[in-house]
Each structure stands twice: as structure tokens, then as C-alpha cells.
Amino acid sequence: MGKVAIVNRMEAFVEMAMDEILSKRSDVCGCERCRLDQTALSLNALPPRYVVSDFGEVVTNLDLDSSQHKADCMVAVLQAIEIVRKNPRH
């Protein structure tokens, strides 16, 4: 049996949303520190979606693919970006 790991699937969705938004924004710092702060703030605003199996990942991905979840994720990322933009820690 291979190594089993616990994964928060929300991280991948936040990363994708952040990539999409930041690719369209030239007024936001893209340094590693700001990016990590934006990610942490976004994840703290959203419920975690932990999985430990392939089946759990499939079921969770179906749930996370809903339009409401995508909207919630985008809102959390946009809010985090604005917070960090106004108060960068670099």
C-alpha cells in the first residue's frame, strides 16, 4: 500500500482562483510573501475540504465544482487580495 496523505482540496481551488484573478491585475504585488498571505487569508475564510482517498477526492471535487462554491472561492480570494494589497508585509 502506498503512502496515505491528508489533503485539503480547497488549496488547489484557491490557487486556481488566485492565478485567474492575479493574471488580470497589475496593481497587486505578486511576490512570494504576498501570495502566501493571500492564500492563507483565503483558506481561513473558506471551509476546509480534507480528503485521504481517491474516492474522497472525486466526491469532493464534484461538490467543489458547483457554481456557488466557485463564487464563494472567488469572493474569498478577492477579499484576501485586497487586504494584502492595502497592507503588504514585505
C-alpha atoms as a PDB file:
ATOM      1  CA  MET A   1       0.000   0.000   0.000  1.00  0.00           C
ATOM      2  CA  GLY A   2       1.297   3.464  -0.929  1.00  0.00           C
ATOM      3  CA  LYS A   3       1.738   6.399   1.376  1.00  0.00           C
ATOM      4  CA  VAL A   4      -1.538   7.903   2.511  1.00  0.00           C
ATOM      5  CA  ALA A   5      -1.756  11.660   2.982  1.00  0.00           C
ATOM      6  CA  ILE A   6      -4.408  14.060   4.116  1.00  0.00           C
ATOM      7  CA  VAL A   7      -5.026  16.842   1.590  1.00  0.00           C
ATOM      8  CA  ASN A   8      -7.141  19.976   1.777  1.00  0.00           C
ATOM      9  CA  ARG A   9      -8.638  20.096  -1.739  1.00  0.00           C
ATOM     10  CA  MET A  10      -9.621  23.709  -1.117  1.00  0.00           C
ATOM     11  CA  GLU A  11      -5.959  24.691  -1.567  1.00  0.00           C
ATOM     12  CA  ALA A  12      -5.964  23.742  -5.245  1.00  0.00           C
ATOM     13  CA  PHE A  13      -9.195  25.634  -5.871  1.00  0.00           C
ATOM     14  CA  VAL A  14      -7.873  28.746  -4.120  1.00  0.00           C
ATOM     15  CA  GLU A  15      -4.640  28.546  -6.136  1.00  0.00           C
ATOM     16  CA  MET A  16      -6.563  28.314  -9.419  1.00  0.00           C
ATOM     17  CA  ALA A  17      -8.832  31.228  -8.481  1.00  0.00           C
ATOM     18  CA  MET A  18      -5.839  33.300  -7.389  1.00  0.00           C
ATOM     19  CA  ASP A  19      -3.963  32.573 -10.637  1.00  0.00           C
ATOM     20  CA  GLU A  20      -7.000  33.620 -12.653  1.00  0.00           C
ATOM     21  CA  ILE A  21      -7.559  36.852 -10.736  1.00  0.00           C
ATOM     22  CA  LEU A  22      -3.907  37.897 -10.427  1.00  0.00           C
ATOM     23  CA  SER A  23      -3.295  37.354 -14.140  1.00  0.00           C
ATOM     24  CA  LYS A  24      -5.738  40.212 -14.753  1.00  0.00           C
ATOM     25  CA  ARG A  25      -4.470  42.560 -12.032  1.00  0.00           C
ATOM     26  CA  SER A  26      -1.372  44.700 -12.444  1.00  0.00           C
ATOM     27  CA  ASP A  27      -1.977  46.615  -9.198  1.00  0.00           C
ATOM     28  CA  VAL A  28      -1.276  43.635  -6.921  1.00  0.00           C
ATOM     29  CA  CYS A  29       2.147  42.519  -5.720  1.00  0.00           C
ATOM     30  CA  GLY A  30       2.990  39.005  -6.838  1.00  0.00           C
ATOM     31  CA  CYS A  31       5.921  38.329  -4.512  1.00  0.00           C
ATOM     32  CA  GLU A  32       6.009  35.030  -2.640  1.00  0.00           C
ATOM     33  CA  ARG A  33       5.188  36.626   0.745  1.00  0.00           C
ATOM     34  CA  CYS A  34       2.110  38.454  -0.569  1.00  0.00           C
ATOM     35  CA  ARG A  35       0.963  35.341  -2.433  1.00  0.00           C
ATOM     36  CA  LEU A  36       1.273  33.203   0.716  1.00  0.00           C
ATOM     37  CA  ASP A  37      -0.584  35.813   2.791  1.00  0.00           C
ATOM     38  CA  GLN A  38      -3.365  35.949   0.181  1.00  0.00           C
ATOM     39  CA  THR A  39      -3.607  32.160   0.116  1.00  0.00           C
ATOM     40  CA  ALA A  40      -3.693  31.847   3.908  1.00  0.00           C
ATOM     41  CA  LEU A  41      -6.381  34.524   4.251  1.00  0.00           C
ATOM     42  CA  SER A  42      -8.461  32.911   1.516  1.00  0.00           C
ATOM     43  CA  LEU A  43      -8.213  29.443   3.045  1.00  0.00           C
ATOM     44  CA  ASN A  44      -9.094  30.756   6.503  1.00  0.00           C
ATOM     45  CA  ALA A  45     -12.270  32.293   5.066  1.00  0.00           C
ATOM     46  CA  LEU A  46     -13.397  29.036   3.438  1.00  0.00           C
ATOM     47  CA  PRO A  47     -14.381  25.690   4.943  1.00  0.00           C
ATOM     48  CA  PRO A  48     -11.651  23.057   4.513  1.00  0.00           C
ATOM     49  CA  ARG A  49     -12.321  20.033   2.315  1.00  0.00           C
ATOM     50  CA  TYR A  50      -9.945  17.302   3.506  1.00  0.00           C
ATOM     51  CA  VAL A  51      -9.609  14.006   1.667  1.00  0.00           C
ATOM     52  CA  VAL A  52      -7.498  10.902   2.227  1.00  0.00           C
ATOM     53  CA  SER A  53      -8.528   8.707  -0.709  1.00  0.00           C
ATOM     54  CA  ASP A  54      -9.071   8.865  -4.453  1.00  0.00           C
ATOM     55  CA  PHE A  55     -12.797   8.273  -3.937  1.00  0.00           C
ATOM     56  CA  GLY A  56     -12.976  11.108  -1.406  1.00  0.00           C
ATOM     57  CA  GLU A  57     -11.202  13.364  -3.861  1.00  0.00           C
ATOM     58  CA  VAL A  58     -13.666  12.569  -6.638  1.00  0.00           C
ATOM     59  CA  VAL A  59     -16.682  13.211  -4.408  1.00  0.00           C
ATOM     60  CA  THR A  60     -15.162  16.402  -3.022  1.00  0.00           C
ATOM     61  CA  ASN A  61     -14.238  17.677  -6.484  1.00  0.00           C
ATOM     62  CA  LEU A  62     -17.829  17.179  -7.640  1.00  0.00           C
ATOM     63  CA  ASP A  63     -19.031  19.210  -4.656  1.00  0.00           C
ATOM     64  CA  LEU A  64     -16.410  21.917  -5.233  1.00  0.00           C
ATOM     65  CA  ASP A  65     -17.340  22.172  -8.908  1.00  0.00           C
ATOM     66  CA  SER A  66     -20.682  23.834  -8.099  1.00  0.00           C
ATOM     67  CA  SER A  67     -21.200  27.420  -9.230  1.00  0.00           C
ATOM     68  CA  GLN A  68     -21.945  28.516  -5.652  1.00  0.00           C
ATOM     69  CA  HIS A  69     -18.669  27.094  -4.395  1.00  0.00           C
ATOM     70  CA  LYS A  70     -16.758  28.771  -7.221  1.00  0.00           C
ATOM     71  CA  ALA A  71     -18.395  32.096  -6.366  1.00  0.00           C
ATOM     72  CA  ASP A  72     -17.592  31.686  -2.654  1.00  0.00           C
ATOM     73  CA  CYS A  73     -13.989  30.871  -3.503  1.00  0.00           C
ATOM     74  CA  MET A  74     -13.629  33.874  -5.824  1.00  0.00           C
ATOM     75  CA  VAL A  75     -15.090  36.211  -3.196  1.00  0.00           C
ATOM     76  CA  ALA A  76     -12.705  34.903  -0.509  1.00  0.00           C
ATOM     77  CA  VAL A  77      -9.717  35.295  -2.842  1.00  0.00           C
ATOM     78  CA  LEU A  78     -10.733  38.808  -3.946  1.00  0.00           C
ATOM     79  CA  GLN A  79     -11.158  39.896  -0.322  1.00  0.00           C
ATOM     80  CA  ALA A  80      -7.783  38.425   0.644  1.00  0.00           C
ATOM     81  CA  ILE A  81      -6.072  40.129  -2.294  1.00  0.00           C
ATOM     82  CA  GLU A  82      -7.492  43.499  -1.259  1.00  0.00           C
ATOM     83  CA  ILE A  83      -6.449  43.045   2.369  1.00  0.00           C
ATOM     84  CA  VAL A  84      -2.879  42.179   1.385  1.00  0.00           C
ATOM     85  CA  ARG A  85      -2.760  44.883  -1.308  1.00  0.00           C
ATOM     86  CA  LYS A  86      -3.615  47.519   1.287  1.00  0.00           C
ATOM     87  CA  ASN A  87      -1.297  46.081   3.968  1.00  0.00           C
ATOM     88  CA  PRO A  88       1.616  44.190   2.377  1.00  0.00           C
ATOM     89  CA  ARG A  89       4.099  42.627   4.814  1.00  0.00           C
ATOM     90  CA  HIS A  90       7.154  42.542   2.521  1.00  0.00           C
END
